[in-house]
PDB file of all heavy atoms in Angstrom:
ATOM      1  N   PHE A   1      -2.141  27.781  -6.725  1.00  0.00           N
ATOM      2  CA  PHE A   1      -2.969  28.958  -6.590  1.00  0.00           C
ATOM      3  C   PHE A   1      -4.211  28.651  -7.249  1.00  0.00           C
ATOM      4  O   PHE A   1      -4.336  28.594  -8.461  1.00  0.00           O
ATOM      5  CB  PHE A   1      -2.233  30.268  -7.221  1.00  0.00           C
ATOM      6  CG  PHE A   1      -3.044  31.552  -6.980  1.00  0.00           C
ATOM      7  CD1 PHE A   1      -2.723  32.328  -5.903  1.00  0.00           C
ATOM      8  CD2 PHE A   1      -4.061  31.780  -7.833  1.00  0.00           C
ATOM      9  CE1 PHE A   1      -3.449  33.526  -5.708  1.00  0.00           C
ATOM     10  CE2 PHE A   1      -4.844  33.043  -7.596  1.00  0.00           C
ATOM     11  CZ  PHE A   1      -4.584  33.847  -6.617  1.00  0.00           C
ATOM     12  N   VAL A   2      -5.313  28.507  -6.370  1.00  0.00           N
ATOM     13  CA  VAL A   2      -6.470  28.168  -6.888  1.00  0.00           C
ATOM     14  C   VAL A   2      -7.408  29.397  -6.978  1.00  0.00           C
ATOM     15  O   VAL A   2      -7.580  30.144  -6.071  1.00  0.00           O
ATOM     16  CB  VAL A   2      -7.286  27.216  -5.935  1.00  0.00           C
ATOM     17  CG1 VAL A   2      -8.645  26.812  -6.563  1.00  0.00           C
ATOM     18  CG2 VAL A   2      -6.417  25.901  -5.671  1.00  0.00           C
ATOM     19  N   PHE A   3      -7.805  29.828  -8.254  1.00  0.00           N
ATOM     20  CA  PHE A   3      -8.665  30.938  -8.491  1.00  0.00           C
ATOM     21  C   PHE A   3     -10.035  30.751  -7.817  1.00  0.00           C
ATOM     22  O   PHE A   3     -10.963  30.128  -8.507  1.00  0.00           O
ATOM     23  CB  PHE A   3      -8.812  31.291 -10.047  1.00  0.00           C
ATOM     24  CG  PHE A   3      -7.597  31.947 -10.515  1.00  0.00           C
ATOM     25  CD1 PHE A   3      -6.523  31.162 -11.059  1.00  0.00           C
ATOM     26  CD2 PHE A   3      -7.459  33.284 -10.574  1.00  0.00           C
ATOM     27  CE1 PHE A   3      -5.435  31.645 -11.599  1.00  0.00           C
ATOM     28  CE2 PHE A   3      -6.413  33.901 -11.137  1.00  0.00           C
ATOM     29  CZ  PHE A   3      -5.315  33.036 -11.655  1.00  0.00           C
ATOM     30  N   GLY A   4     -10.186  31.170  -6.496  1.00  0.00           N
ATOM     31  CA  GLY A   4     -11.319  30.920  -5.860  1.00  0.00           C
ATOM     32  C   GLY A   4     -11.469  31.837  -4.729  1.00  0.00           C
ATOM     33  O   GLY A   4     -10.677  32.705  -4.567  1.00  0.00           O
ATOM     34  N   GLU A   5     -12.594  31.700  -3.879  1.00  0.00           N
ATOM     35  CA  GLU A   5     -12.831  32.631  -2.830  1.00  0.00           C
ATOM     36  C   GLU A   5     -11.762  32.791  -1.840  1.00  0.00           C
ATOM     37  O   GLU A   5     -11.453  33.901  -1.382  1.00  0.00           O
ATOM     38  CB  GLU A   5     -14.189  32.200  -2.125  1.00  0.00           C
ATOM     39  CG  GLU A   5     -15.388  32.197  -3.076  1.00  0.00           C
ATOM     40  CD  GLU A   5     -15.593  30.906  -3.716  1.00  0.00           C
ATOM     41  OE1 GLU A   5     -14.622  30.047  -3.908  1.00  0.00           O
ATOM     42  OE2 GLU A   5     -16.824  30.538  -4.087  1.00  0.00           O
ATOM     43  N   THR A   6     -11.153  31.672  -1.367  1.00  0.00           N
ATOM     44  CA  THR A   6     -10.239  31.788  -0.291  1.00  0.00           C
ATOM     45  C   THR A   6      -9.043  32.628  -0.663  1.00  0.00           C
ATOM     46  O   THR A   6      -8.642  33.524   0.133  1.00  0.00           O
ATOM     47  CB  THR A   6      -9.807  30.332   0.063  1.00  0.00           C
ATOM     48  OG1 THR A   6     -10.840  29.598   0.456  1.00  0.00           O
ATOM     49  CG2 THR A   6      -8.878  30.397   1.348  1.00  0.00           C
ATOM     50  N   ALA A   7      -8.339  32.461  -1.810  1.00  0.00           N
ATOM     51  CA  ALA A   7      -7.138  33.168  -2.162  1.00  0.00           C
ATOM     52  C   ALA A   7      -7.528  34.616  -2.446  1.00  0.00           C
ATOM     53  O   ALA A   7      -6.733  35.519  -1.970  1.00  0.00           O
ATOM     54  CB  ALA A   7      -6.633  32.541  -3.431  1.00  0.00           C
ATOM     55  N   PHE A   8      -8.671  34.863  -3.077  1.00  0.00           N
ATOM     56  CA  PHE A   8      -8.975  36.260  -3.411  1.00  0.00           C
ATOM     57  C   PHE A   8      -9.406  37.017  -2.175  1.00  0.00           C
ATOM     58  O   PHE A   8      -9.186  38.266  -2.003  1.00  0.00           O
ATOM     59  CB  PHE A   8     -10.028  36.353  -4.524  1.00  0.00           C
ATOM     60  CG  PHE A   8      -9.346  36.354  -5.871  1.00  0.00           C
ATOM     61  CD1 PHE A   8      -8.671  35.263  -6.333  1.00  0.00           C
ATOM     62  CD2 PHE A   8      -9.395  37.551  -6.693  1.00  0.00           C
ATOM     63  CE1 PHE A   8      -8.062  35.328  -7.662  1.00  0.00           C
ATOM     64  CE2 PHE A   8      -8.782  37.623  -7.801  1.00  0.00           C
ATOM     65  CZ  PHE A   8      -8.076  36.479  -8.307  1.00  0.00           C
ATOM     66  N   ALA A   9     -10.140  36.373  -1.212  1.00  0.00           N
ATOM     67  CA  ALA A   9     -10.426  36.970  -0.035  1.00  0.00           C
ATOM     68  C   ALA A   9      -9.213  37.293   0.852  1.00  0.00           C
ATOM     69  O   ALA A   9      -9.074  38.441   1.509  1.00  0.00           O
ATOM     70  CB  ALA A   9     -11.338  36.133   0.846  1.00  0.00           C
ATOM     71  N   ALA A  10      -8.134  36.492   0.664  1.00  0.00           N
ATOM     72  CA  ALA A  10      -6.979  36.707   1.485  1.00  0.00           C
ATOM     73  C   ALA A  10      -6.259  37.980   0.945  1.00  0.00           C
ATOM     74  O   ALA A  10      -5.531  38.637   1.758  1.00  0.00           O
ATOM     75  CB  ALA A  10      -5.994  35.446   1.393  1.00  0.00           C
ATOM     76  N   ILE A  11      -6.275  38.200  -0.312  1.00  0.00           N
ATOM     77  CA  ILE A  11      -5.654  39.336  -0.953  1.00  0.00           C
ATOM     78  C   ILE A  11      -6.549  40.573  -1.143  1.00  0.00           C
ATOM     79  O   ILE A  11      -6.144  41.557  -1.750  1.00  0.00           O
ATOM     80  CB  ILE A  11      -5.026  39.012  -2.229  1.00  0.00           C
ATOM     81  CG1 ILE A  11      -6.090  38.622  -3.314  1.00  0.00           C
ATOM     82  CG2 ILE A  11      -4.052  37.881  -2.135  1.00  0.00           C
ATOM     83  CD1 ILE A  11      -5.603  38.280  -4.663  1.00  0.00           C
ATOM     84  N   CYS A  12      -7.718  40.450  -0.522  1.00  0.00           N
ATOM     85  CA  CYS A  12      -8.621  41.565  -0.433  1.00  0.00           C
ATOM     86  C   CYS A  12      -9.006  42.005  -1.889  1.00  0.00           C
ATOM     87  O   CYS A  12      -9.042  43.226  -2.252  1.00  0.00           O
ATOM     88  CB  CYS A  12      -8.210  42.752   0.440  1.00  0.00           C
ATOM     89  SG  CYS A  12      -7.763  42.283   2.068  1.00  0.00           S
ATOM     90  N   SER A  13      -9.238  41.113  -2.778  1.00  0.00           N
ATOM     91  CA  SER A  13      -9.447  41.338  -4.134  1.00  0.00           C
ATOM     92  C   SER A  13     -10.815  40.789  -4.614  1.00  0.00           C
ATOM     93  O   SER A  13     -11.270  39.814  -4.042  1.00  0.00           O
ATOM     94  CB  SER A  13      -8.328  40.875  -5.063  1.00  0.00           C
ATOM     95  OG  SER A  13      -8.488  41.130  -6.378  1.00  0.00           O
ATOM     96  N   ASP A  14     -11.357  41.363  -5.694  1.00  0.00           N
ATOM     97  CA  ASP A  14     -12.699  40.867  -6.219  1.00  0.00           C
ATOM     98  C   ASP A  14     -12.504  39.807  -7.150  1.00  0.00           C
ATOM     99  O   ASP A  14     -12.178  40.028  -8.348  1.00  0.00           O
ATOM    100  CB  ASP A  14     -13.388  42.053  -6.763  1.00  0.00           C
ATOM    101  CG  ASP A  14     -14.766  41.855  -7.164  1.00  0.00           C
ATOM    102  OD1 ASP A  14     -15.312  40.713  -6.969  1.00  0.00           O
ATOM    103  OD2 ASP A  14     -15.502  42.774  -7.678  1.00  0.00           O
ATOM    104  N   LEU A  15     -12.791  38.543  -6.742  1.00  0.00           N
ATOM    105  CA  LEU A  15     -12.667  37.412  -7.615  1.00  0.00           C
ATOM    106  C   LEU A  15     -13.729  37.507  -8.771  1.00  0.00           C
ATOM    107  O   LEU A  15     -13.464  37.173  -9.980  1.00  0.00           O
ATOM    108  CB  LEU A  15     -13.006  36.155  -6.902  1.00  0.00           C
ATOM    109  CG  LEU A  15     -13.179  34.803  -7.749  1.00  0.00           C
ATOM    110  CD1 LEU A  15     -11.902  34.515  -8.394  1.00  0.00           C
ATOM    111  CD2 LEU A  15     -13.656  33.709  -6.865  1.00  0.00           C
ATOM    112  N   LEU A  16     -14.953  38.012  -8.472  1.00  0.00           N
ATOM    113  CA  LEU A  16     -15.967  38.031  -9.483  1.00  0.00           C
ATOM    114  C   LEU A  16     -15.698  38.992 -10.604  1.00  0.00           C
ATOM    115  O   LEU A  16     -16.189  38.764 -11.742  1.00  0.00           O
ATOM    116  CB  LEU A  16     -17.378  38.439  -8.828  1.00  0.00           C
ATOM    117  CG  LEU A  16     -17.848  37.707  -7.693  1.00  0.00           C
ATOM    118  CD1 LEU A  16     -19.163  38.046  -7.198  1.00  0.00           C
ATOM    119  CD2 LEU A  16     -17.907  36.179  -8.159  1.00  0.00           C
ATOM    120  N   ALA A  17     -14.800  39.971 -10.425  1.00  0.00           N
ATOM    121  CA  ALA A  17     -14.388  40.839 -11.533  1.00  0.00           C
ATOM    122  C   ALA A  17     -13.211  40.431 -12.352  1.00  0.00           C
ATOM    123  O   ALA A  17     -12.924  40.860 -13.344  1.00  0.00           O
ATOM    124  CB  ALA A  17     -14.030  42.190 -10.938  1.00  0.00           C
ATOM    125  N   TYR A  18     -12.597  39.165 -12.001  1.00  0.00           N
ATOM    126  CA  TYR A  18     -11.367  38.774 -12.608  1.00  0.00           C
ATOM    127  C   TYR A  18     -11.836  38.002 -13.899  1.00  0.00           C
ATOM    128  O   TYR A  18     -12.675  37.165 -13.934  1.00  0.00           O
ATOM    129  CB  TYR A  18     -10.543  37.820 -11.675  1.00  0.00           C
ATOM    130  CG  TYR A  18      -9.211  37.579 -12.076  1.00  0.00           C
ATOM    131  CD1 TYR A  18      -8.203  38.607 -11.846  1.00  0.00           C
ATOM    132  CD2 TYR A  18      -8.845  36.597 -12.852  1.00  0.00           C
ATOM    133  CE1 TYR A  18      -6.919  38.443 -12.229  1.00  0.00           C
ATOM    134  CE2 TYR A  18      -7.456  36.400 -13.346  1.00  0.00           C
ATOM    135  CZ  TYR A  18      -6.551  37.337 -13.030  1.00  0.00           C
ATOM    136  OH  TYR A  18      -5.242  37.247 -13.486  1.00  0.00           O
ATOM    137  N   PRO A  19     -11.122  38.380 -15.015  1.00  0.00           N
ATOM    138  CA  PRO A  19     -11.424  37.684 -16.315  1.00  0.00           C
ATOM    139  C   PRO A  19     -11.051  36.243 -16.281  1.00  0.00           C
ATOM    140  O   PRO A  19      -9.998  35.852 -15.883  1.00  0.00           O
ATOM    141  CB  PRO A  19     -10.606  38.606 -17.332  1.00  0.00           C
ATOM    142  CG  PRO A  19     -10.224  39.843 -16.574  1.00  0.00           C
ATOM    143  CD  PRO A  19     -10.101  39.428 -15.155  1.00  0.00           C
ATOM    144  N   LEU A  20     -11.906  35.476 -16.964  1.00  0.00           N
ATOM    145  CA  LEU A  20     -11.625  34.073 -17.092  1.00  0.00           C
ATOM    146  C   LEU A  20     -10.459  33.833 -17.997  1.00  0.00           C
ATOM    147  O   LEU A  20      -9.652  32.908 -17.770  1.00  0.00           O
ATOM    148  CB  LEU A  20     -12.881  33.361 -17.706  1.00  0.00           C
ATOM    149  CG  LEU A  20     -14.070  33.154 -16.738  1.00  0.00           C
ATOM    150  CD1 LEU A  20     -15.262  32.481 -17.599  1.00  0.00           C
ATOM    151  CD2 LEU A  20     -13.771  32.374 -15.592  1.00  0.00           C
ATOM    152  N   SER A  21     -10.362  34.625 -18.980  1.00  0.00           N
ATOM    153  CA  SER A  21      -9.192  34.490 -19.962  1.00  0.00           C
ATOM    154  C   SER A  21      -7.810  34.573 -19.262  1.00  0.00           C
ATOM    155  O   SER A  21      -6.879  33.857 -19.550  1.00  0.00           O
ATOM    156  CB  SER A  21      -9.334  35.400 -21.135  1.00  0.00           C
ATOM    157  OG  SER A  21      -9.437  36.792 -20.665  1.00  0.00           O
ATOM    158  N   ASP A  22      -7.741  35.642 -18.386  1.00  0.00           N
ATOM    159  CA  ASP A  22      -6.533  35.662 -17.604  1.00  0.00           C
ATOM    160  C   ASP A  22      -6.161  34.563 -16.649  1.00  0.00           C
ATOM    161  O   ASP A  22      -5.120  34.188 -16.494  1.00  0.00           O
ATOM    162  CB  ASP A  22      -6.558  36.979 -16.870  1.00  0.00           C
ATOM    163  CG  ASP A  22      -6.438  38.172 -17.783  1.00  0.00           C
ATOM    164  OD1 ASP A  22      -7.432  38.795 -18.288  1.00  0.00           O
ATOM    165  OD2 ASP A  22      -5.303  38.679 -18.032  1.00  0.00           O
ATOM    166  N   ALA A  23      -7.283  33.983 -16.031  1.00  0.00           N
ATOM    167  CA  ALA A  23      -7.051  32.951 -15.134  1.00  0.00           C
ATOM    168  C   ALA A  23      -6.573  31.696 -16.009  1.00  0.00           C
ATOM    169  O   ALA A  23      -5.670  30.921 -15.523  1.00  0.00           O
ATOM    170  CB  ALA A  23      -8.291  32.515 -14.313  1.00  0.00           C
ATOM    171  N   VAL A  24      -7.158  31.368 -17.023  1.00  0.00           N
ATOM    172  CA  VAL A  24      -6.760  30.278 -17.939  1.00  0.00           C
ATOM    173  C   VAL A  24      -5.341  30.502 -18.443  1.00  0.00           C
ATOM    174  O   VAL A  24      -4.536  29.538 -18.486  1.00  0.00           O
ATOM    175  CB  VAL A  24      -7.754  30.099 -19.029  1.00  0.00           C
ATOM    176  CG1 VAL A  24      -7.318  28.995 -19.933  1.00  0.00           C
ATOM    177  CG2 VAL A  24      -9.140  29.629 -18.479  1.00  0.00           C
ATOM    178  N   ALA A  25      -5.038  31.716 -18.798  1.00  0.00           N
ATOM    179  CA  ALA A  25      -3.678  32.008 -19.289  1.00  0.00           C
ATOM    180  C   ALA A  25      -2.613  31.747 -18.235  1.00  0.00           C
ATOM    181  O   ALA A  25      -1.571  31.243 -18.499  1.00  0.00           O
ATOM    182  CB  ALA A  25      -3.606  33.412 -19.764  1.00  0.00           C
ATOM    183  N   ALA A  26      -3.063  32.110 -16.936  1.00  0.00           N
ATOM    184  CA  ALA A  26      -2.100  31.878 -15.888  1.00  0.00           C
ATOM    185  C   ALA A  26      -1.895  30.301 -15.636  1.00  0.00           C
ATOM    186  O   ALA A  26      -0.728  29.825 -15.430  1.00  0.00           O
ATOM    187  CB  ALA A  26      -2.593  32.466 -14.629  1.00  0.00           C
ATOM    188  N   SER A  27      -2.942  29.667 -15.722  1.00  0.00           N
ATOM    189  CA  SER A  27      -2.858  28.165 -15.559  1.00  0.00           C
ATOM    190  C   SER A  27      -2.024  27.441 -16.576  1.00  0.00           C
ATOM    191  O   SER A  27      -1.512  26.441 -16.410  1.00  0.00           O
ATOM    192  CB  SER A  27      -4.295  27.579 -15.583  1.00  0.00           C
ATOM    193  OG  SER A  27      -4.282  26.171 -15.336  1.00  0.00           O
TER     194      SER A  27
END
C-alpha cells in the first residue's frame, strides 16, 4: 500500500490531509 495519489484516489480520500506520522507508523 503506497501512500500516494493512486491509492487515495481509488478510496475517494484526501491524501493531502493525511498525517505523515500516521503513514510512517503504518509502514
